[in-house]
Amino acid sequence: MDIVYIRDLKIPCTIGVWEWERRIKQTVIVDLEMATDVRSAAKRDRLDDALDYKAVATRVMEYVGSSEFKLVETLAENVAHTVLGEFKVSWVRVRINKRGALRGATDVGVVIERQAKS
């Protein structure tokens, strides 16, 4: 299994359960790891044969930026579903970091892994 990854994708969005959080944009940090076969892309050296990580990042930024979830768990689940459904990946690990959400902690969040349905 080959992994294409994106780290530290900072995206402003509406996220949180408290009323004041629903009125502002907060920045979440998204990390993605996606399983794909890179052999054809490596052999032919063509973007058409590769997982276009710019396209993935653009789509995730668009999706997260327009979302309004209460829980990071819900956001992560929906990001995973979007990536699996729209890109040629067999597995995805999504990490959502809601930095500053917990006093005394550097960051807090969730990591999920999902597989494409066979």
N, C-alpha and C. Protein backbone atom coordinates (compact mmCIF):
# COMPACT_ATOMS: atom_id res chain seq x y z
N MET A 1 0.85 -1.18 0.00
CA MET A 1 0.00 0.00 0.00
C MET A 1 0.89 1.24 0.00
N ASP A 2 0.62 2.14 -0.91
CA ASP A 2 1.33 3.42 -0.98
C ASP A 2 0.45 4.48 -0.33
N ILE A 3 1.09 5.46 0.25
CA ILE A 3 0.37 6.52 0.97
C ILE A 3 0.71 7.87 0.35
N VAL A 4 -0.31 8.63 0.02
CA VAL A 4 -0.17 10.04 -0.35
C VAL A 4 -0.74 10.80 0.83
N TYR A 5 0.00 11.82 1.29
CA TYR A 5 -0.48 12.52 2.48
C TYR A 5 -0.48 14.03 2.29
N ILE A 6 -1.32 14.66 3.09
CA ILE A 6 -1.42 16.12 3.19
C ILE A 6 -1.39 16.43 4.67
N ARG A 7 -0.54 17.35 5.08
CA ARG A 7 -0.43 17.71 6.49
C ARG A 7 -0.68 19.20 6.71
N ASP A 8 -1.25 19.50 7.86
CA ASP A 8 -1.43 20.87 8.34
C ASP A 8 -2.23 21.76 7.39
N LEU A 9 -3.31 21.22 6.85
CA LEU A 9 -4.21 22.00 6.01
C LEU A 9 -5.11 22.81 6.93
N LYS A 10 -4.88 24.11 6.98
CA LYS A 10 -5.61 24.99 7.90
C LYS A 10 -6.84 25.54 7.19
N ILE A 11 -8.01 25.29 7.82
CA ILE A 11 -9.27 25.64 7.18
C ILE A 11 -10.21 26.31 8.19
N PRO A 12 -10.62 27.55 7.94
CA PRO A 12 -11.62 28.17 8.80
C PRO A 12 -13.01 27.58 8.53
N CYS A 13 -13.74 27.30 9.61
CA CYS A 13 -15.07 26.72 9.47
C CYS A 13 -15.89 27.00 10.72
N THR A 14 -17.17 26.68 10.63
CA THR A 14 -18.04 26.73 11.81
C THR A 14 -18.04 25.35 12.43
N ILE A 15 -17.55 25.27 13.67
CA ILE A 15 -17.46 23.99 14.36
C ILE A 15 -17.61 24.23 15.86
N GLY A 16 -18.40 23.43 16.52
CA GLY A 16 -18.53 23.55 17.96
C GLY A 16 -19.96 23.43 18.44
N VAL A 17 -20.10 23.12 19.72
CA VAL A 17 -21.42 22.91 20.30
C VAL A 17 -21.95 24.15 21.02
N TRP A 18 -21.08 25.04 21.39
CA TRP A 18 -21.50 26.21 22.15
C TRP A 18 -22.02 27.30 21.21
N GLU A 19 -23.00 28.04 21.72
CA GLU A 19 -23.63 29.09 20.90
C GLU A 19 -22.62 30.07 20.33
N TRP A 20 -21.65 30.49 21.13
CA TRP A 20 -20.66 31.46 20.63
C TRP A 20 -19.82 30.86 19.50
N GLU A 21 -19.61 29.54 19.52
CA GLU A 21 -18.85 28.89 18.44
C GLU A 21 -19.62 28.86 17.14
N ARG A 22 -20.93 28.89 17.22
CA ARG A 22 -21.78 28.83 16.04
C ARG A 22 -21.79 30.16 15.30
N ARG A 23 -21.33 31.23 15.98
CA ARG A 23 -21.35 32.57 15.39
C ARG A 23 -20.02 32.99 14.78
N ILE A 24 -18.99 32.18 14.95
CA ILE A 24 -17.66 32.56 14.46
C ILE A 24 -17.05 31.46 13.60
N LYS A 25 -16.00 31.80 12.92
CA LYS A 25 -15.20 30.81 12.20
C LYS A 25 -14.01 30.45 13.08
N GLN A 26 -13.74 29.16 13.21
CA GLN A 26 -12.57 28.67 13.91
C GLN A 26 -11.73 27.89 12.91
N THR A 27 -10.44 27.89 13.10
CA THR A 27 -9.57 27.17 12.19
C THR A 27 -9.32 25.76 12.71
N VAL A 28 -9.63 24.78 11.87
CA VAL A 28 -9.26 23.40 12.16
C VAL A 28 -8.07 23.06 11.29
N ILE A 29 -7.29 22.11 11.75
CA ILE A 29 -6.14 21.65 10.99
C ILE A 29 -6.42 20.21 10.58
N VAL A 30 -6.34 19.95 9.29
CA VAL A 30 -6.68 18.65 8.74
C VAL A 30 -5.41 17.98 8.19
N ASP A 31 -5.22 16.72 8.59
CA ASP A 31 -4.18 15.87 8.03
C ASP A 31 -4.88 14.70 7.35
N LEU A 32 -4.40 14.35 6.17
CA LEU A 32 -4.95 13.21 5.43
C LEU A 32 -3.84 12.25 5.05
N GLU A 33 -4.11 10.98 5.16
CA GLU A 33 -3.26 9.93 4.59
C GLU A 33 -4.19 9.07 3.74
N MET A 34 -3.80 8.86 2.49
CA MET A 34 -4.67 8.16 1.55
C MET A 34 -3.92 7.03 0.86
N ALA A 35 -4.50 5.84 0.87
CA ALA A 35 -3.88 4.68 0.24
C ALA A 35 -4.24 4.66 -1.25
N THR A 36 -3.20 4.57 -2.05
CA THR A 36 -3.37 4.49 -3.49
C THR A 36 -2.15 3.79 -4.07
N ASP A 37 -2.27 3.32 -5.27
CA ASP A 37 -1.14 2.67 -5.93
C ASP A 37 -0.43 3.71 -6.79
N VAL A 38 0.80 4.03 -6.46
CA VAL A 38 1.53 5.08 -7.18
C VAL A 38 2.43 4.52 -8.30
N ARG A 39 2.44 3.22 -8.49
CA ARG A 39 3.37 2.62 -9.47
C ARG A 39 3.17 3.14 -10.88
N SER A 40 1.94 3.25 -11.33
CA SER A 40 1.69 3.72 -12.69
C SER A 40 2.14 5.18 -12.85
N ALA A 41 1.84 5.99 -11.86
CA ALA A 41 2.26 7.40 -11.91
C ALA A 41 3.78 7.50 -11.91
N ALA A 42 4.43 6.69 -11.08
CA ALA A 42 5.89 6.73 -11.00
C ALA A 42 6.52 6.25 -12.31
N LYS A 43 5.94 5.24 -12.90
CA LYS A 43 6.48 4.68 -14.14
C LYS A 43 6.30 5.63 -15.32
N ARG A 44 5.13 6.24 -15.43
CA ARG A 44 4.82 7.09 -16.58
C ARG A 44 5.11 8.57 -16.32
N ASP A 45 5.27 8.94 -15.05
CA ASP A 45 5.58 10.32 -14.67
C ASP A 45 4.54 11.30 -15.19
N ARG A 46 3.25 10.91 -14.99
CA ARG A 46 2.14 11.74 -15.47
C ARG A 46 1.14 11.98 -14.34
N LEU A 47 0.71 13.22 -14.21
CA LEU A 47 -0.28 13.57 -13.19
C LEU A 47 -1.58 12.80 -13.39
N ASP A 48 -1.93 12.53 -14.64
CA ASP A 48 -3.16 11.80 -14.92
C ASP A 48 -3.18 10.41 -14.27
N ASP A 49 -2.01 9.87 -14.00
CA ASP A 49 -1.91 8.55 -13.40
C ASP A 49 -1.78 8.60 -11.87
N ALA A 50 -1.72 9.80 -11.33
CA ALA A 50 -1.46 9.98 -9.89
C ALA A 50 -2.71 10.45 -9.17
N LEU A 51 -2.69 10.30 -7.86
CA LEU A 51 -3.69 10.93 -7.02
C LEU A 51 -3.31 12.41 -6.93
N ASP A 52 -4.14 13.26 -7.43
CA ASP A 52 -3.85 14.71 -7.48
C ASP A 52 -4.11 15.31 -6.10
N TYR A 53 -3.05 15.43 -5.31
CA TYR A 53 -3.24 15.91 -3.94
C TYR A 53 -3.69 17.36 -3.89
N LYS A 54 -3.41 18.15 -4.92
CA LYS A 54 -3.93 19.52 -4.96
C LYS A 54 -5.45 19.49 -5.11
N ALA A 55 -5.94 18.61 -5.95
CA ALA A 55 -7.40 18.48 -6.13
C ALA A 55 -8.05 17.99 -4.85
N VAL A 56 -7.41 17.05 -4.15
CA VAL A 56 -7.94 16.57 -2.87
C VAL A 56 -7.99 17.72 -1.87
N ALA A 57 -6.89 18.46 -1.74
CA ALA A 57 -6.82 19.57 -0.79
C ALA A 57 -7.87 20.63 -1.11
N THR A 58 -8.01 20.96 -2.37
CA THR A 58 -9.01 21.97 -2.78
C THR A 58 -10.41 21.52 -2.40
N ARG A 59 -10.72 20.26 -2.67
CA ARG A 59 -12.06 19.73 -2.35
C ARG A 59 -12.31 19.70 -0.85
N VAL A 60 -11.31 19.26 -0.09
CA VAL A 60 -11.47 19.20 1.37
C VAL A 60 -11.61 20.61 1.94
N MET A 61 -10.82 21.55 1.45
CA MET A 61 -10.93 22.94 1.93
C MET A 61 -12.32 23.51 1.62
N GLU A 62 -12.82 23.24 0.43
CA GLU A 62 -14.15 23.70 0.03
C GLU A 62 -15.22 23.08 0.94
N TYR A 63 -15.11 21.77 1.15
CA TYR A 63 -16.11 21.06 1.95
C TYR A 63 -16.10 21.53 3.41
N VAL A 64 -14.92 21.51 4.02
CA VAL A 64 -14.81 21.89 5.43
C VAL A 64 -15.18 23.35 5.63
N GLY A 65 -14.72 24.21 4.73
CA GLY A 65 -15.00 25.64 4.84
C GLY A 65 -16.48 25.99 4.79
N SER A 66 -17.26 25.16 4.12
CA SER A 66 -18.70 25.44 4.03
C SER A 66 -19.52 24.62 5.03
N SER A 67 -18.86 23.78 5.82
CA SER A 67 -19.58 22.93 6.77
C SER A 67 -19.95 23.69 8.04
N GLU A 68 -20.91 23.14 8.76
CA GLU A 68 -21.35 23.73 10.03
C GLU A 68 -21.70 22.62 11.01
N PHE A 69 -20.73 21.79 11.35
CA PHE A 69 -20.96 20.69 12.27
C PHE A 69 -20.70 21.12 13.71
N LYS A 70 -21.28 20.38 14.63
CA LYS A 70 -21.03 20.63 16.04
C LYS A 70 -19.80 19.86 16.52
N LEU A 71 -19.62 18.64 16.02
CA LEU A 71 -18.56 17.77 16.52
C LEU A 71 -17.46 17.56 15.48
N VAL A 72 -16.21 17.51 15.95
CA VAL A 72 -15.10 17.19 15.05
C VAL A 72 -15.23 15.75 14.54
N GLU A 73 -15.86 14.88 15.32
CA GLU A 73 -16.09 13.51 14.89
C GLU A 73 -16.95 13.47 13.63
N THR A 74 -17.99 14.28 13.62
CA THR A 74 -18.89 14.35 12.45
C THR A 74 -18.15 14.92 11.25
N LEU A 75 -17.37 15.96 11.49
CA LEU A 75 -16.59 16.55 10.41
C LEU A 75 -15.61 15.53 9.83
N ALA A 76 -14.89 14.82 10.67
CA ALA A 76 -13.92 13.82 10.21
C ALA A 76 -14.61 12.73 9.39
N GLU A 77 -15.73 12.25 9.88
CA GLU A 77 -16.47 11.20 9.18
C GLU A 77 -16.88 11.65 7.78
N ASN A 78 -17.36 12.87 7.69
CA ASN A 78 -17.80 13.40 6.40
C ASN A 78 -16.64 13.70 5.46
N VAL A 79 -15.52 14.14 5.99
CA VAL A 79 -14.33 14.33 5.16
C VAL A 79 -13.88 12.98 4.60
N ALA A 80 -13.83 11.96 5.43
CA ALA A 80 -13.44 10.62 4.98
C ALA A 80 -14.37 10.13 3.88
N HIS A 81 -15.67 10.29 4.08
CA HIS A 81 -16.66 9.87 3.09
C HIS A 81 -16.45 10.61 1.76
N THR A 82 -16.18 11.90 1.83
CA THR A 82 -15.97 12.71 0.63
C THR A 82 -14.73 12.24 -0.13
N VAL A 83 -13.63 12.05 0.57
CA VAL A 83 -12.39 11.62 -0.08
C VAL A 83 -12.55 10.24 -0.70
N LEU A 84 -13.12 9.31 0.04
CA LEU A 84 -13.31 7.95 -0.48
C LEU A 84 -14.26 7.93 -1.68
N GLY A 85 -15.26 8.77 -1.65
CA GLY A 85 -16.27 8.78 -2.71
C GLY A 85 -15.86 9.50 -3.97
N GLU A 86 -14.93 10.46 -3.84
CA GLU A 86 -14.61 11.30 -4.99
C GLU A 86 -13.22 11.08 -5.58
N PHE A 87 -12.38 10.33 -4.89
CA PHE A 87 -11.01 10.11 -5.36
C PHE A 87 -10.69 8.62 -5.33
N LYS A 88 -9.72 8.23 -6.14
CA LYS A 88 -9.35 6.82 -6.25
C LYS A 88 -8.42 6.43 -5.11
N VAL A 89 -9.00 6.25 -3.93
CA VAL A 89 -8.25 5.79 -2.77
C VAL A 89 -9.01 4.63 -2.14
N SER A 90 -8.28 3.69 -1.59
CA SER A 90 -8.93 2.53 -0.98
C SER A 90 -9.08 2.67 0.53
N TRP A 91 -8.36 3.62 1.09
CA TRP A 91 -8.35 3.82 2.55
C TRP A 91 -7.93 5.26 2.82
N VAL A 92 -8.46 5.81 3.90
CA VAL A 92 -8.09 7.18 4.29
C VAL A 92 -8.00 7.28 5.80
N ARG A 93 -7.02 8.00 6.27
CA ARG A 93 -6.91 8.37 7.68
C ARG A 93 -7.10 9.89 7.72
N VAL A 94 -8.04 10.33 8.52
CA VAL A 94 -8.35 11.76 8.66
C VAL A 94 -8.06 12.17 10.09
N ARG A 95 -7.29 13.22 10.24
CA ARG A 95 -7.00 13.79 11.56
C ARG A 95 -7.52 15.21 11.55
N ILE A 96 -8.42 15.51 12.47
CA ILE A 96 -8.95 16.87 12.63
C ILE A 96 -8.45 17.40 13.96
N ASN A 97 -7.76 18.50 13.92
CA ASN A 97 -7.19 19.14 15.09
C ASN A 97 -7.92 20.47 15.32
N LYS A 98 -8.52 20.60 16.47
CA LYS A 98 -9.20 21.84 16.84
C LYS A 98 -8.35 22.53 17.91
N ARG A 99 -7.24 23.06 17.44
CA ARG A 99 -6.26 23.68 18.33
C ARG A 99 -6.91 24.77 19.19
N GLY A 100 -6.57 24.75 20.46
CA GLY A 100 -7.08 25.76 21.38
C GLY A 100 -8.45 25.46 21.96
N ALA A 101 -9.01 24.31 21.65
CA ALA A 101 -10.36 23.99 22.13
C ALA A 101 -10.39 23.58 23.60
N LEU A 102 -9.24 23.21 24.14
CA LEU A 102 -9.18 22.73 25.51
C LEU A 102 -8.09 23.48 26.25
N ARG A 103 -8.50 24.24 27.24
CA ARG A 103 -7.54 25.01 28.03
C ARG A 103 -6.49 24.08 28.65
N GLY A 104 -5.25 24.47 28.51
CA GLY A 104 -4.15 23.69 29.08
C GLY A 104 -3.56 22.67 28.12
N ALA A 105 -4.23 22.44 26.99
CA ALA A 105 -3.72 21.48 26.00
C ALA A 105 -3.30 22.23 24.74
N THR A 106 -2.24 21.76 24.12
CA THR A 106 -1.80 22.38 22.87
C THR A 106 -2.85 22.22 21.78
N ASP A 107 -3.38 21.02 21.67
CA ASP A 107 -4.42 20.79 20.68
C ASP A 107 -5.25 19.57 21.09
N VAL A 108 -6.38 19.43 20.43
CA VAL A 108 -7.30 18.33 20.70
C VAL A 108 -8.00 18.00 19.39
N GLY A 109 -8.37 16.76 19.23
CA GLY A 109 -9.05 16.40 17.98
C GLY A 109 -9.37 14.93 17.91
N VAL A 110 -9.48 14.44 16.70
CA VAL A 110 -9.87 13.07 16.46
C VAL A 110 -9.13 12.54 15.22
N VAL A 111 -8.84 11.25 15.26
CA VAL A 111 -8.24 10.55 14.12
C VAL A 111 -9.14 9.37 13.79
N ILE A 112 -9.55 9.27 12.52
CA ILE A 112 -10.34 8.13 12.10
C ILE A 112 -9.71 7.50 10.86
N GLU A 113 -10.00 6.23 10.65
CA GLU A 113 -9.58 5.51 9.45
C GLU A 113 -10.80 4.85 8.84
N ARG A 114 -10.93 4.98 7.54
CA ARG A 114 -12.05 4.37 6.84
C ARG A 114 -11.56 3.72 5.56
N GLN A 115 -12.23 2.64 5.14
CA GLN A 115 -11.91 1.95 3.90
C GLN A 115 -13.04 2.13 2.91
N ALA A 116 -12.67 2.11 1.63
CA ALA A 116 -13.68 2.15 0.58
C ALA A 116 -14.46 0.85 0.62
N LYS A 117 -15.73 0.92 0.30
CA LYS A 117 -16.55 -0.27 0.27
C LYS A 117 -16.20 -1.07 -0.98
N SER A 118 -16.09 -2.37 -0.83
CA SER A 118 -15.72 -3.24 -1.95
C SER A 118 -16.86 -3.41 -2.92
